[in-house]
Amino acid sequence: DADNYPLTRRGQQDLWLHQHPANCSDPGLRFMWVGWENGPGFGLGARIKCMLAFFAIAVRENRILVSDSFGRADHAGCEGI
């Protein structure tokens, strides 16, 4: 933990526990389902930004974020691929 900001591990643990409840059948759990935009022109940065925004909303609303497939970024036209 010496190379982390203070309370980083605690924050990671809290977020992990939020997303992975002990009992997924608990009727008190609330979920937030998100379908990702997989159209052309959305790079990895845009996809990560959207994912983090939805995750922040889910945490704020005390919901568990669930999504369909988070596809790869659009690499069409990139050299070296």
N, C-alpha and C. Protein backbone atom coordinates (compact mmCIF):
# COMPACT_ATOMS: atom_id res chain seq x y z
N ASP A 1 0.80 -1.20 0.00
CA ASP A 1 0.00 0.00 0.00
C ASP A 1 0.85 1.27 0.00
N ALA A 2 2.15 1.15 0.16
CA ALA A 2 3.00 2.33 0.27
C ALA A 2 3.00 3.15 -1.02
N ASP A 3 2.77 2.52 -2.18
CA ASP A 3 2.82 3.25 -3.44
C ASP A 3 1.45 3.77 -3.88
N ASN A 4 0.44 3.67 -3.04
CA ASN A 4 -0.91 4.13 -3.37
C ASN A 4 -1.27 5.38 -2.60
N TYR A 5 -2.24 6.10 -3.12
CA TYR A 5 -2.78 7.23 -2.36
C TYR A 5 -3.48 6.69 -1.12
N PRO A 6 -3.60 7.49 -0.08
CA PRO A 6 -4.27 7.02 1.14
C PRO A 6 -5.68 6.52 0.84
N LEU A 7 -6.02 5.41 1.44
CA LEU A 7 -7.35 4.79 1.36
C LEU A 7 -7.71 4.24 -0.02
N THR A 8 -6.73 4.10 -0.93
CA THR A 8 -7.00 3.56 -2.26
C THR A 8 -7.52 2.13 -2.17
N ARG A 9 -6.83 1.30 -1.41
CA ARG A 9 -7.26 -0.10 -1.29
C ARG A 9 -8.65 -0.20 -0.68
N ARG A 10 -8.93 0.65 0.29
CA ARG A 10 -10.25 0.65 0.93
C ARG A 10 -11.33 1.03 -0.08
N GLY A 11 -11.06 2.04 -0.90
CA GLY A 11 -12.01 2.45 -1.93
C GLY A 11 -12.26 1.36 -2.95
N GLN A 12 -11.19 0.68 -3.37
CA GLN A 12 -11.33 -0.43 -4.32
C GLN A 12 -12.16 -1.56 -3.72
N GLN A 13 -11.94 -1.85 -2.46
CA GLN A 13 -12.70 -2.90 -1.79
C GLN A 13 -14.18 -2.53 -1.70
N ASP A 14 -14.46 -1.28 -1.34
CA ASP A 14 -15.84 -0.82 -1.24
C ASP A 14 -16.57 -0.93 -2.57
N LEU A 15 -15.89 -0.53 -3.66
CA LEU A 15 -16.51 -0.62 -4.98
C LEU A 15 -16.70 -2.08 -5.41
N TRP A 16 -15.73 -2.93 -5.08
CA TRP A 16 -15.85 -4.35 -5.41
C TRP A 16 -17.05 -4.96 -4.68
N LEU A 17 -17.19 -4.68 -3.41
CA LEU A 17 -18.30 -5.22 -2.63
C LEU A 17 -19.64 -4.68 -3.14
N HIS A 18 -19.65 -3.43 -3.60
CA HIS A 18 -20.87 -2.85 -4.16
C HIS A 18 -21.32 -3.63 -5.39
N GLN A 19 -20.38 -3.98 -6.25
CA GLN A 19 -20.70 -4.67 -7.51
C GLN A 19 -20.89 -6.17 -7.35
N HIS A 20 -20.44 -6.75 -6.25
CA HIS A 20 -20.49 -8.19 -6.04
C HIS A 20 -21.16 -8.51 -4.70
N PRO A 21 -22.49 -8.37 -4.63
CA PRO A 21 -23.18 -8.62 -3.36
C PRO A 21 -23.08 -10.09 -2.95
N ALA A 22 -23.18 -10.32 -1.66
CA ALA A 22 -23.09 -11.69 -1.13
C ALA A 22 -24.24 -12.56 -1.61
N ASN A 23 -25.42 -11.98 -1.80
CA ASN A 23 -26.59 -12.74 -2.22
C ASN A 23 -27.27 -12.01 -3.38
N CYS A 24 -27.07 -12.48 -4.60
CA CYS A 24 -27.64 -11.83 -5.78
C CYS A 24 -29.14 -12.03 -5.88
N SER A 25 -29.69 -12.93 -5.07
CA SER A 25 -31.13 -13.18 -5.09
C SER A 25 -31.88 -12.30 -4.09
N ASP A 26 -31.17 -11.46 -3.38
CA ASP A 26 -31.80 -10.58 -2.39
C ASP A 26 -32.80 -9.66 -3.10
N PRO A 27 -34.07 -9.69 -2.71
CA PRO A 27 -35.07 -8.85 -3.39
C PRO A 27 -34.86 -7.36 -3.17
N GLY A 28 -34.03 -6.98 -2.22
CA GLY A 28 -33.76 -5.57 -1.96
C GLY A 28 -32.71 -4.97 -2.89
N LEU A 29 -32.03 -5.80 -3.67
CA LEU A 29 -31.00 -5.29 -4.58
C LEU A 29 -31.64 -4.57 -5.76
N ARG A 30 -31.00 -3.51 -6.19
CA ARG A 30 -31.46 -2.77 -7.36
C ARG A 30 -30.33 -2.77 -8.39
N PHE A 31 -30.71 -2.92 -9.65
CA PHE A 31 -29.73 -3.01 -10.72
C PHE A 31 -29.93 -1.88 -11.71
N MET A 32 -28.86 -1.56 -12.42
CA MET A 32 -28.91 -0.58 -13.50
C MET A 32 -28.29 -1.25 -14.72
N TRP A 33 -29.14 -1.53 -15.72
CA TRP A 33 -28.67 -2.20 -16.93
C TRP A 33 -28.33 -1.14 -17.98
N VAL A 34 -27.18 -1.32 -18.63
CA VAL A 34 -26.73 -0.38 -19.65
C VAL A 34 -26.39 -1.15 -20.91
N GLY A 35 -26.93 -0.72 -22.03
CA GLY A 35 -26.56 -1.26 -23.34
C GLY A 35 -25.53 -0.33 -23.97
N TRP A 36 -24.39 -0.85 -24.35
CA TRP A 36 -23.30 -0.01 -24.87
C TRP A 36 -23.51 0.31 -26.33
N GLU A 37 -23.14 1.52 -26.71
CA GLU A 37 -23.16 1.95 -28.11
C GLU A 37 -21.94 1.35 -28.80
N ASN A 38 -22.17 0.49 -29.77
CA ASN A 38 -21.07 -0.16 -30.46
C ASN A 38 -20.92 0.33 -31.90
N GLY A 39 -21.43 1.51 -32.18
CA GLY A 39 -21.33 2.06 -33.52
C GLY A 39 -19.92 2.50 -33.87
N PRO A 40 -19.68 2.76 -35.13
CA PRO A 40 -18.36 3.22 -35.56
C PRO A 40 -18.04 4.60 -35.01
N GLY A 41 -16.78 4.85 -34.81
CA GLY A 41 -16.35 6.17 -34.37
C GLY A 41 -16.19 6.34 -32.87
N PHE A 42 -16.51 5.33 -32.11
CA PHE A 42 -16.34 5.39 -30.67
C PHE A 42 -15.06 4.67 -30.28
N GLY A 43 -14.04 5.42 -29.91
CA GLY A 43 -12.77 4.83 -29.53
C GLY A 43 -12.78 4.34 -28.09
N LEU A 44 -11.68 3.77 -27.69
CA LEU A 44 -11.58 3.21 -26.34
C LEU A 44 -11.77 4.27 -25.27
N GLY A 45 -11.19 5.45 -25.47
CA GLY A 45 -11.33 6.51 -24.48
C GLY A 45 -12.78 6.90 -24.26
N ALA A 46 -13.54 7.04 -25.35
CA ALA A 46 -14.96 7.40 -25.23
C ALA A 46 -15.74 6.30 -24.53
N ARG A 47 -15.42 5.06 -24.83
CA ARG A 47 -16.12 3.94 -24.20
C ARG A 47 -15.82 3.86 -22.70
N ILE A 48 -14.57 4.08 -22.34
CA ILE A 48 -14.21 4.05 -20.92
C ILE A 48 -14.88 5.20 -20.18
N LYS A 49 -14.90 6.38 -20.80
CA LYS A 49 -15.55 7.53 -20.18
C LYS A 49 -17.03 7.24 -19.92
N CYS A 50 -17.72 6.67 -20.89
CA CYS A 50 -19.13 6.34 -20.71
C CYS A 50 -19.31 5.28 -19.62
N MET A 51 -18.47 4.27 -19.64
CA MET A 51 -18.57 3.21 -18.65
C MET A 51 -18.40 3.77 -17.24
N LEU A 52 -17.42 4.64 -17.05
CA LEU A 52 -17.18 5.22 -15.73
C LEU A 52 -18.32 6.14 -15.30
N ALA A 53 -18.89 6.87 -16.24
CA ALA A 53 -20.02 7.74 -15.91
C ALA A 53 -21.21 6.91 -15.45
N PHE A 54 -21.51 5.83 -16.17
CA PHE A 54 -22.62 4.97 -15.77
C PHE A 54 -22.33 4.29 -14.43
N PHE A 55 -21.09 3.90 -14.21
CA PHE A 55 -20.73 3.28 -12.93
C PHE A 55 -20.92 4.27 -11.79
N ALA A 56 -20.52 5.53 -12.00
CA ALA A 56 -20.69 6.55 -10.96
C ALA A 56 -22.17 6.76 -10.65
N ILE A 57 -23.01 6.77 -11.67
CA ILE A 57 -24.45 6.93 -11.45
C ILE A 57 -24.99 5.73 -10.67
N ALA A 58 -24.57 4.53 -11.04
CA ALA A 58 -25.04 3.32 -10.36
C ALA A 58 -24.64 3.34 -8.88
N VAL A 59 -23.43 3.73 -8.59
CA VAL A 59 -22.97 3.78 -7.19
C VAL A 59 -23.77 4.85 -6.44
N ARG A 60 -23.94 6.02 -7.03
CA ARG A 60 -24.69 7.10 -6.38
C ARG A 60 -26.13 6.69 -6.09
N GLU A 61 -26.74 5.94 -7.02
CA GLU A 61 -28.13 5.51 -6.87
C GLU A 61 -28.26 4.18 -6.12
N ASN A 62 -27.15 3.68 -5.59
CA ASN A 62 -27.11 2.40 -4.87
C ASN A 62 -27.66 1.26 -5.72
N ARG A 63 -27.20 1.21 -6.95
CA ARG A 63 -27.58 0.15 -7.87
C ARG A 63 -26.33 -0.59 -8.32
N ILE A 64 -26.51 -1.82 -8.76
CA ILE A 64 -25.41 -2.63 -9.27
C ILE A 64 -25.41 -2.49 -10.78
N LEU A 65 -24.28 -2.07 -11.34
CA LEU A 65 -24.19 -1.86 -12.78
C LEU A 65 -24.07 -3.20 -13.49
N VAL A 66 -24.97 -3.39 -14.45
CA VAL A 66 -24.98 -4.61 -15.28
C VAL A 66 -25.01 -4.14 -16.72
N SER A 67 -24.25 -4.79 -17.57
CA SER A 67 -24.24 -4.38 -18.97
C SER A 67 -24.25 -5.59 -19.89
N ASP A 68 -24.59 -5.32 -21.14
CA ASP A 68 -24.41 -6.34 -22.14
C ASP A 68 -22.93 -6.32 -22.52
N SER A 69 -22.56 -6.93 -23.58
CA SER A 69 -21.15 -7.02 -23.97
C SER A 69 -20.54 -5.63 -24.16
N PHE A 70 -19.40 -5.42 -23.53
CA PHE A 70 -18.64 -4.19 -23.73
C PHE A 70 -17.64 -4.48 -24.83
N GLY A 71 -18.02 -4.18 -26.07
CA GLY A 71 -17.21 -4.52 -27.23
C GLY A 71 -15.91 -3.74 -27.29
N ARG A 72 -15.05 -4.19 -28.14
CA ARG A 72 -13.76 -3.51 -28.29
C ARG A 72 -13.95 -2.16 -28.96
N ALA A 73 -12.95 -1.35 -28.88
CA ALA A 73 -13.00 -0.03 -29.51
C ALA A 73 -12.91 -0.16 -31.03
N ASP A 74 -13.34 0.86 -31.72
CA ASP A 74 -13.29 0.92 -33.16
C ASP A 74 -11.88 1.28 -33.60
N HIS A 75 -11.13 0.29 -34.10
CA HIS A 75 -9.75 0.51 -34.51
C HIS A 75 -9.59 0.64 -36.03
N ALA A 76 -10.70 0.77 -36.74
CA ALA A 76 -10.62 0.87 -38.18
C ALA A 76 -9.76 2.07 -38.58
N GLY A 77 -8.83 1.85 -39.46
CA GLY A 77 -8.00 2.92 -39.95
C GLY A 77 -6.75 3.16 -39.11
N CYS A 78 -6.60 2.49 -37.98
CA CYS A 78 -5.41 2.67 -37.15
C CYS A 78 -4.26 1.86 -37.73
N GLU A 79 -3.10 2.45 -37.76
CA GLU A 79 -1.95 1.73 -38.27
C GLU A 79 -1.40 0.79 -37.22
N GLY A 80 -0.80 -0.28 -37.66
CA GLY A 80 -0.19 -1.24 -36.75
C GLY A 80 -1.15 -2.30 -36.23
N ILE A 81 -2.35 -2.30 -36.70
CA ILE A 81 -3.34 -3.29 -36.25
C ILE A 81 -3.42 -4.40 -37.27
